């Protein structure tokens, strides 16, 4: 198992369904990687095509299957509205090391409702590359027999 740092570049979104009827929505994003969660700034009044250009950093291992990105509309009075979500599989990232910003479908109730543009970069910890520098497991100070 390789551990390292995941950098997520949140570029922007387009074609989102506006959840505010009288004005432009104020979207923000939560990015969840297993138990870690990060929140973007609120793109006030940006409506269906917000831009963030923010970077978020997560510590993770290469057994994490996906990144969950939720888009919400910040509503001060009535509670935030769920706009949609995108699930980004991380396996291609671990194989390539980085994925330039590209668009992922945003879905709500299993229906397409826009796109979010995200770039990804994975940097393995030094000495943790596959098969290099891994420590052998030991039990009570004795190496486990391979017989």
N, C-alpha and C. Protein backbone atom coordinates (compact mmCIF):
# COMPACT_ATOMS: atom_id res chain seq x y z
N UNK A 1 0.85 -1.18 0.00
CA UNK A 1 0.00 0.00 0.00
C UNK A 1 0.89 1.24 0.00
N UNK A 2 0.61 2.14 -0.92
CA UNK A 2 1.40 3.36 -1.04
C UNK A 2 0.64 4.51 -0.38
N UNK A 3 1.33 5.24 0.48
CA UNK A 3 0.73 6.42 1.10
C UNK A 3 1.30 7.66 0.41
N UNK A 4 0.53 8.74 0.46
CA UNK A 4 1.02 9.95 -0.16
C UNK A 4 0.06 11.10 0.03
N UNK A 5 0.28 12.12 -0.80
CA UNK A 5 -0.51 13.34 -0.72
C UNK A 5 -1.32 13.50 -2.00
N UNK A 6 -2.60 13.74 -1.82
CA UNK A 6 -3.50 14.01 -2.94
C UNK A 6 -3.78 15.50 -2.97
N UNK A 7 -3.49 16.13 -4.11
CA UNK A 7 -3.86 17.53 -4.31
C UNK A 7 -5.04 17.57 -5.26
N UNK A 8 -6.08 18.28 -4.86
CA UNK A 8 -7.28 18.43 -5.67
C UNK A 8 -7.39 19.89 -6.07
N UNK A 9 -7.34 20.17 -7.37
CA UNK A 9 -7.53 21.53 -7.87
C UNK A 9 -8.98 21.65 -8.31
N UNK A 10 -9.75 22.41 -7.54
CA UNK A 10 -11.15 22.66 -7.86
C UNK A 10 -11.20 23.89 -8.75
N UNK A 11 -11.45 23.69 -10.04
CA UNK A 11 -11.43 24.79 -11.01
C UNK A 11 -12.76 25.51 -11.01
N UNK A 12 -13.84 24.80 -11.36
CA UNK A 12 -15.15 25.43 -11.44
C UNK A 12 -16.20 24.43 -11.88
N UNK A 13 -17.38 24.93 -12.15
CA UNK A 13 -18.49 24.09 -12.61
C UNK A 13 -19.26 24.85 -13.68
N UNK A 14 -20.02 24.11 -14.47
CA UNK A 14 -20.87 24.78 -15.46
C UNK A 14 -22.14 23.99 -15.68
N UNK A 15 -23.18 24.71 -16.05
CA UNK A 15 -24.45 24.07 -16.36
C UNK A 15 -25.19 23.52 -15.16
N UNK A 16 -24.86 24.01 -13.96
CA UNK A 16 -25.55 23.52 -12.77
C UNK A 16 -26.99 24.01 -12.75
N UNK A 17 -27.83 23.23 -12.11
CA UNK A 17 -29.23 23.63 -11.97
C UNK A 17 -29.33 24.67 -10.86
N UNK A 18 -29.84 25.85 -11.19
CA UNK A 18 -29.95 26.93 -10.22
C UNK A 18 -31.06 26.60 -9.23
N UNK A 19 -30.71 26.50 -7.95
CA UNK A 19 -31.70 26.14 -6.93
C UNK A 19 -32.39 27.36 -6.34
N UNK A 20 -31.90 28.56 -6.67
CA UNK A 20 -32.54 29.79 -6.20
C UNK A 20 -33.45 30.32 -7.30
N UNK A 21 -34.68 30.62 -6.95
CA UNK A 21 -35.66 31.02 -7.95
C UNK A 21 -35.57 32.50 -8.30
N UNK A 22 -35.27 33.35 -7.33
CA UNK A 22 -35.30 34.79 -7.57
C UNK A 22 -33.92 35.40 -7.82
N UNK A 23 -32.86 34.67 -7.54
CA UNK A 23 -31.51 35.21 -7.72
C UNK A 23 -30.55 34.09 -8.09
N UNK A 24 -29.32 34.46 -8.37
CA UNK A 24 -28.31 33.44 -8.64
C UNK A 24 -27.94 32.72 -7.34
N UNK A 25 -27.68 31.44 -7.45
CA UNK A 25 -27.30 30.69 -6.25
C UNK A 25 -25.85 31.01 -5.87
N UNK A 26 -25.50 30.65 -4.65
CA UNK A 26 -24.17 30.88 -4.08
C UNK A 26 -23.53 29.52 -3.81
N UNK A 27 -22.99 28.87 -4.86
CA UNK A 27 -22.51 27.50 -4.68
C UNK A 27 -21.17 27.38 -3.95
N UNK A 28 -21.03 26.27 -3.24
CA UNK A 28 -19.76 25.88 -2.66
C UNK A 28 -19.66 24.36 -2.76
N UNK A 29 -18.49 23.84 -2.48
CA UNK A 29 -18.23 22.42 -2.67
C UNK A 29 -17.67 21.81 -1.39
N UNK A 30 -18.08 20.58 -1.09
CA UNK A 30 -17.39 19.80 -0.07
C UNK A 30 -16.74 18.63 -0.80
N UNK A 31 -15.48 18.38 -0.45
CA UNK A 31 -14.73 17.28 -1.05
C UNK A 31 -14.43 16.28 0.07
N UNK A 32 -14.87 15.04 -0.13
CA UNK A 32 -14.70 14.01 0.89
C UNK A 32 -13.82 12.90 0.36
N UNK A 33 -12.82 12.57 1.16
CA UNK A 33 -11.90 11.48 0.85
C UNK A 33 -11.86 10.60 2.09
N UNK A 34 -12.63 9.50 2.07
CA UNK A 34 -12.84 8.64 3.25
C UNK A 34 -13.38 9.48 4.41
N UNK A 35 -12.58 9.71 5.45
CA UNK A 35 -13.08 10.45 6.61
C UNK A 35 -12.67 11.91 6.60
N UNK A 36 -11.85 12.31 5.63
CA UNK A 36 -11.41 13.71 5.57
C UNK A 36 -12.38 14.50 4.69
N UNK A 37 -12.71 15.70 5.14
CA UNK A 37 -13.61 16.54 4.36
C UNK A 37 -13.08 17.97 4.33
N UNK A 38 -13.10 18.58 3.14
CA UNK A 38 -12.67 19.96 2.96
C UNK A 38 -13.82 20.72 2.31
N UNK A 39 -13.87 22.02 2.59
CA UNK A 39 -14.94 22.85 2.06
C UNK A 39 -14.35 24.04 1.32
N UNK A 40 -14.89 24.31 0.14
CA UNK A 40 -14.43 25.45 -0.66
C UNK A 40 -15.05 26.74 -0.13
N UNK A 41 -14.59 27.84 -0.69
CA UNK A 41 -15.24 29.11 -0.39
C UNK A 41 -16.58 29.15 -1.13
N UNK A 42 -17.44 30.05 -0.73
CA UNK A 42 -18.74 30.23 -1.39
C UNK A 42 -18.55 31.18 -2.57
N UNK A 43 -18.98 30.72 -3.75
CA UNK A 43 -18.91 31.57 -4.96
C UNK A 43 -20.18 32.41 -4.99
N UNK A 44 -20.18 33.50 -4.23
CA UNK A 44 -21.38 34.31 -4.03
C UNK A 44 -21.91 34.87 -5.35
N UNK A 45 -23.18 34.57 -5.61
CA UNK A 45 -23.87 35.12 -6.77
C UNK A 45 -23.38 34.60 -8.11
N UNK A 46 -22.58 33.54 -8.10
CA UNK A 46 -22.02 33.04 -9.37
C UNK A 46 -22.97 32.11 -10.11
N UNK A 47 -24.05 31.71 -9.48
CA UNK A 47 -25.08 30.94 -10.17
C UNK A 47 -24.65 29.59 -10.68
N UNK A 48 -25.01 29.28 -11.93
CA UNK A 48 -24.83 27.96 -12.51
C UNK A 48 -23.42 27.69 -13.03
N UNK A 49 -22.58 28.73 -13.12
CA UNK A 49 -21.23 28.57 -13.68
C UNK A 49 -20.16 29.17 -12.76
N UNK A 50 -20.04 28.64 -11.54
CA UNK A 50 -19.08 29.20 -10.58
C UNK A 50 -17.63 28.82 -10.91
N UNK A 51 -16.71 29.65 -10.44
CA UNK A 51 -15.29 29.33 -10.52
C UNK A 51 -14.69 29.50 -9.14
N UNK A 52 -13.82 28.55 -8.76
CA UNK A 52 -13.17 28.61 -7.46
C UNK A 52 -11.65 28.74 -7.57
N UNK A 53 -11.04 27.90 -8.41
CA UNK A 53 -9.58 27.85 -8.54
C UNK A 53 -8.91 27.74 -7.17
N UNK A 54 -9.31 26.73 -6.42
CA UNK A 54 -8.78 26.46 -5.09
C UNK A 54 -8.15 25.07 -5.06
N UNK A 55 -7.12 24.92 -4.24
CA UNK A 55 -6.44 23.63 -4.10
C UNK A 55 -6.64 23.10 -2.69
N UNK A 56 -6.91 21.79 -2.60
CA UNK A 56 -7.11 21.12 -1.33
C UNK A 56 -6.15 19.94 -1.26
N UNK A 57 -5.63 19.67 -0.06
CA UNK A 57 -4.65 18.61 0.11
C UNK A 57 -5.18 17.57 1.11
N UNK A 58 -5.05 16.31 0.72
CA UNK A 58 -5.47 15.19 1.55
C UNK A 58 -4.30 14.23 1.70
N UNK A 59 -4.18 13.61 2.87
CA UNK A 59 -3.23 12.52 3.07
C UNK A 59 -4.01 11.23 2.87
N UNK A 60 -3.49 10.34 2.01
CA UNK A 60 -4.23 9.12 1.75
C UNK A 60 -3.32 8.00 1.28
N UNK A 61 -3.90 6.82 1.15
CA UNK A 61 -3.18 5.67 0.61
C UNK A 61 -3.88 5.26 -0.69
N UNK A 62 -3.18 4.45 -1.49
CA UNK A 62 -3.74 4.12 -2.80
C UNK A 62 -4.84 3.07 -2.77
N UNK A 63 -5.37 2.78 -1.58
CA UNK A 63 -6.53 1.88 -1.53
C UNK A 63 -7.84 2.64 -1.39
N UNK A 64 -7.78 3.97 -1.49
CA UNK A 64 -9.00 4.79 -1.45
C UNK A 64 -9.62 4.75 -2.84
N UNK A 65 -10.86 4.26 -2.97
CA UNK A 65 -11.42 4.04 -4.30
C UNK A 65 -11.87 5.31 -5.04
N UNK A 66 -12.38 6.30 -4.30
CA UNK A 66 -12.93 7.46 -5.00
C UNK A 66 -12.94 8.71 -4.13
N UNK A 67 -13.15 9.81 -4.81
CA UNK A 67 -13.29 11.11 -4.18
C UNK A 67 -14.73 11.53 -4.40
N UNK A 68 -15.39 12.03 -3.36
CA UNK A 68 -16.78 12.47 -3.48
C UNK A 68 -16.82 13.99 -3.41
N UNK A 69 -17.40 14.59 -4.44
CA UNK A 69 -17.53 16.04 -4.48
C UNK A 69 -19.01 16.38 -4.48
N UNK A 70 -19.44 17.13 -3.47
CA UNK A 70 -20.84 17.57 -3.38
C UNK A 70 -20.89 19.07 -3.61
N UNK A 71 -21.85 19.49 -4.40
CA UNK A 71 -22.07 20.91 -4.64
C UNK A 71 -23.34 21.32 -3.90
N UNK A 72 -23.21 22.38 -3.12
CA UNK A 72 -24.35 22.88 -2.34
C UNK A 72 -24.53 24.37 -2.61
N UNK A 73 -25.73 24.85 -2.37
CA UNK A 73 -26.05 26.27 -2.51
C UNK A 73 -26.20 26.84 -1.11
N UNK A 74 -25.35 27.81 -0.79
CA UNK A 74 -25.38 28.42 0.53
C UNK A 74 -26.61 29.31 0.67
N UNK A 75 -27.49 28.94 1.60
CA UNK A 75 -28.67 29.73 1.90
C UNK A 75 -28.64 30.07 3.38
N UNK A 76 -28.45 31.33 3.70
CA UNK A 76 -28.29 31.75 5.08
C UNK A 76 -29.47 31.43 5.96
N UNK A 77 -30.69 31.51 5.43
CA UNK A 77 -31.88 31.39 6.26
C UNK A 77 -32.45 29.98 6.30
N UNK A 78 -32.65 29.38 5.13
CA UNK A 78 -33.41 28.13 5.05
C UNK A 78 -32.57 26.86 5.06
N UNK A 79 -31.29 26.97 5.21
CA UNK A 79 -30.45 25.77 5.12
C UNK A 79 -29.97 25.58 3.70
N UNK A 80 -28.78 24.99 3.55
CA UNK A 80 -28.17 24.88 2.24
C UNK A 80 -28.87 23.82 1.39
N UNK A 81 -28.97 24.11 0.08
CA UNK A 81 -29.62 23.20 -0.86
C UNK A 81 -28.59 22.32 -1.53
N UNK A 82 -28.91 21.03 -1.67
CA UNK A 82 -28.06 20.08 -2.39
C UNK A 82 -28.25 20.30 -3.88
N UNK A 83 -27.16 20.58 -4.60
CA UNK A 83 -27.23 20.83 -6.04
C UNK A 83 -26.95 19.54 -6.81
N UNK A 84 -25.92 18.81 -6.38
CA UNK A 84 -25.56 17.56 -7.06
C UNK A 84 -24.22 17.08 -6.56
N UNK A 85 -23.77 15.94 -7.09
CA UNK A 85 -22.49 15.39 -6.66
C UNK A 85 -21.79 14.69 -7.81
N UNK A 86 -20.48 14.57 -7.65
CA UNK A 86 -19.67 13.83 -8.62
C UNK A 86 -18.78 12.87 -7.84
N UNK A 87 -18.67 11.65 -8.34
CA UNK A 87 -17.76 10.67 -7.75
C UNK A 87 -16.63 10.46 -8.75
N UNK A 88 -15.41 10.69 -8.26
CA UNK A 88 -14.24 10.58 -9.13
C UNK A 88 -13.43 9.36 -8.73
N UNK A 89 -13.33 8.35 -9.61
CA UNK A 89 -12.53 7.18 -9.28
C UNK A 89 -11.05 7.56 -9.22
N UNK A 90 -10.33 7.05 -8.23
CA UNK A 90 -8.93 7.43 -8.04
C UNK A 90 -7.93 6.44 -8.63
N UNK A 91 -8.39 5.27 -9.05
CA UNK A 91 -7.47 4.27 -9.59
C UNK A 91 -6.65 4.81 -10.77
N UNK A 92 -7.25 5.52 -11.75
CA UNK A 92 -6.44 6.06 -12.85
C UNK A 92 -5.38 7.05 -12.35
N UNK A 93 -5.69 7.78 -11.30
CA UNK A 93 -4.73 8.74 -10.73
C UNK A 93 -3.52 8.02 -10.17
N UNK A 94 -3.73 6.93 -9.44
CA UNK A 94 -2.61 6.20 -8.86
C UNK A 94 -1.73 5.60 -9.95
N UNK A 95 -2.33 5.24 -11.09
CA UNK A 95 -1.55 4.69 -12.20
C UNK A 95 -0.76 5.78 -12.92
N UNK A 96 -1.36 6.96 -13.08
CA UNK A 96 -0.74 8.04 -13.85
C UNK A 96 0.08 9.02 -13.01
N UNK A 97 -0.32 9.23 -11.75
CA UNK A 97 0.36 10.21 -10.90
C UNK A 97 -0.32 11.56 -10.90
N UNK A 98 -0.86 11.96 -12.06
CA UNK A 98 -1.62 13.21 -12.10
C UNK A 98 -2.62 13.16 -13.25
N UNK A 99 -3.70 13.88 -13.07
CA UNK A 99 -4.72 14.01 -14.10
C UNK A 99 -4.98 15.50 -14.25
N UNK A 100 -4.74 16.06 -15.45
CA UNK A 100 -4.98 17.49 -15.63
C UNK A 100 -6.46 17.82 -15.45
N UNK A 101 -6.77 19.10 -15.22
CA UNK A 101 -8.18 19.45 -15.01
C UNK A 101 -9.08 18.93 -16.14
N UNK A 102 -10.11 18.22 -15.75
CA UNK A 102 -11.09 17.71 -16.70
C UNK A 102 -12.47 17.76 -16.07
N UNK A 103 -13.49 17.63 -16.90
CA UNK A 103 -14.87 17.74 -16.42
C UNK A 103 -15.42 16.38 -16.03
N UNK A 104 -16.17 16.39 -14.92
CA UNK A 104 -16.85 15.20 -14.44
C UNK A 104 -18.34 15.53 -14.33
N UNK A 105 -19.19 14.56 -14.63
CA UNK A 105 -20.63 14.78 -14.55
C UNK A 105 -21.09 14.96 -13.12
N UNK A 106 -21.96 15.92 -12.93
CA UNK A 106 -22.62 16.14 -11.64
C UNK A 106 -24.01 15.53 -11.76
N UNK A 107 -24.37 14.70 -10.79
CA UNK A 107 -25.68 14.05 -10.84
C UNK A 107 -26.47 14.33 -9.55
N UNK A 108 -27.76 14.33 -9.73
CA UNK A 108 -28.69 14.47 -8.59
C UNK A 108 -29.86 13.55 -8.90
N UNK A 109 -30.19 12.68 -7.98
CA UNK A 109 -31.26 11.69 -8.19
C UNK A 109 -31.02 10.91 -9.48
N UNK A 110 -29.76 10.52 -9.70
CA UNK A 110 -29.32 9.74 -10.85
C UNK A 110 -29.53 10.44 -12.19
N UNK A 111 -29.70 11.76 -12.19
CA UNK A 111 -29.85 12.51 -13.43
C UNK A 111 -28.74 13.53 -13.57
N UNK A 112 -28.26 13.70 -14.79
CA UNK A 112 -27.21 14.67 -15.10
C UNK A 112 -27.71 16.08 -14.79
N UNK A 113 -26.87 16.86 -14.09
CA UNK A 113 -27.31 18.24 -13.79
C UNK A 113 -26.12 19.21 -13.83
N UNK A 114 -25.17 18.95 -14.72
CA UNK A 114 -24.05 19.88 -14.89
C UNK A 114 -22.71 19.16 -14.85
N UNK A 115 -21.64 19.96 -14.84
CA UNK A 115 -20.29 19.41 -14.83
C UNK A 115 -19.45 20.17 -13.83
N UNK A 116 -18.45 19.47 -13.28
CA UNK A 116 -17.48 20.12 -12.40
C UNK A 116 -16.10 19.81 -12.95
N UNK A 117 -15.24 20.81 -12.93
CA UNK A 117 -13.89 20.66 -13.50
C UNK A 117 -12.88 20.57 -12.36
N UNK A 118 -12.12 19.45 -12.36
CA UNK A 118 -11.20 19.14 -11.27
C UNK A 118 -9.91 18.57 -11.83
N UNK A 119 -8.79 18.98 -11.25
CA UNK A 119 -7.49 18.39 -11.57
C UNK A 119 -6.97 17.66 -10.35
N UNK A 120 -6.22 16.57 -10.55
CA UNK A 120 -5.74 15.74 -9.45
C UNK A 120 -4.25 15.47 -9.58
N UNK A 121 -3.57 15.41 -8.44
CA UNK A 121 -2.15 15.08 -8.42
C UNK A 121 -1.88 14.23 -7.18
N UNK A 122 -1.19 13.09 -7.37
CA UNK A 122 -0.84 12.23 -6.25
C UNK A 122 0.67 12.14 -6.14
N UNK A 123 1.20 12.45 -4.96
CA UNK A 123 2.63 12.38 -4.70
C UNK A 123 2.88 11.34 -3.62
N UNK A 124 3.52 10.20 -3.98
CA UNK A 124 3.80 9.19 -2.97
C UNK A 124 4.81 9.71 -1.95
N UNK A 125 4.69 9.24 -0.71
CA UNK A 125 5.68 9.59 0.30
C UNK A 125 7.00 8.98 -0.10
N UNK A 126 8.08 9.67 0.20
CA UNK A 126 9.40 9.13 -0.12
C UNK A 126 9.63 7.83 0.64
N UNK A 127 10.17 6.86 -0.07
CA UNK A 127 10.44 5.58 0.57
C UNK A 127 9.24 4.67 0.66
N UNK A 128 8.09 5.09 0.13
CA UNK A 128 6.89 4.26 0.22
C UNK A 128 6.46 3.76 -1.16
N UNK A 129 7.31 3.89 -2.17
CA UNK A 129 6.93 3.39 -3.48
C UNK A 129 6.74 1.88 -3.38
N UNK A 130 5.90 1.36 -4.24
CA UNK A 130 5.55 -0.06 -4.21
C UNK A 130 6.80 -0.94 -4.21
N UNK A 131 6.92 -1.79 -3.21
CA UNK A 131 8.00 -2.75 -3.15
C UNK A 131 9.35 -2.15 -2.77
N UNK A 132 9.41 -0.89 -2.48
CA UNK A 132 10.69 -0.25 -2.14
C UNK A 132 10.59 0.36 -0.76
N UNK A 133 11.45 -0.05 0.12
CA UNK A 133 11.47 0.56 1.44
C UNK A 133 10.35 0.10 2.36
N UNK A 134 9.59 -0.90 1.93
CA UNK A 134 8.53 -1.37 2.81
C UNK A 134 9.15 -2.16 3.95
N UNK A 135 8.63 -1.96 5.13
CA UNK A 135 9.16 -2.68 6.28
C UNK A 135 8.47 -4.04 6.38
N UNK A 136 9.26 -5.03 6.74
CA UNK A 136 8.68 -6.34 6.94
C UNK A 136 7.91 -6.33 8.25
N UNK A 137 6.77 -7.03 8.24
CA UNK A 137 6.00 -7.10 9.46
C UNK A 137 6.67 -8.08 10.41
N UNK A 138 6.67 -7.74 11.66
CA UNK A 138 7.22 -8.65 12.64
C UNK A 138 6.24 -8.77 13.79
N UNK A 139 6.34 -9.87 14.49
CA UNK A 139 5.42 -10.13 15.59
C UNK A 139 6.26 -10.41 16.83
N UNK A 140 6.15 -9.58 17.83
CA UNK A 140 6.87 -9.79 19.07
C UNK A 140 8.38 -9.83 18.90
N UNK A 141 8.87 -9.08 17.92
CA UNK A 141 10.31 -9.02 17.71
C UNK A 141 10.84 -10.15 16.86
N UNK A 142 9.99 -11.09 16.47
CA UNK A 142 10.41 -12.21 15.62
C UNK A 142 9.81 -12.03 14.23
N UNK A 143 10.58 -12.32 13.22
CA UNK A 143 10.04 -12.29 11.87
C UNK A 143 9.09 -13.47 11.70
N UNK A 144 8.03 -13.23 10.98
CA UNK A 144 7.11 -14.32 10.71
C UNK A 144 7.73 -15.25 9.68
N UNK A 145 7.64 -16.53 9.91
CA UNK A 145 8.20 -17.53 9.00
C UNK A 145 7.39 -17.56 7.72
N UNK A 146 8.07 -17.78 6.59
CA UNK A 146 7.36 -17.85 5.31
C UNK A 146 6.99 -19.29 4.97
N UNK A 147 7.20 -20.24 5.90
CA UNK A 147 6.87 -21.65 5.62
C UNK A 147 5.44 -21.93 5.92
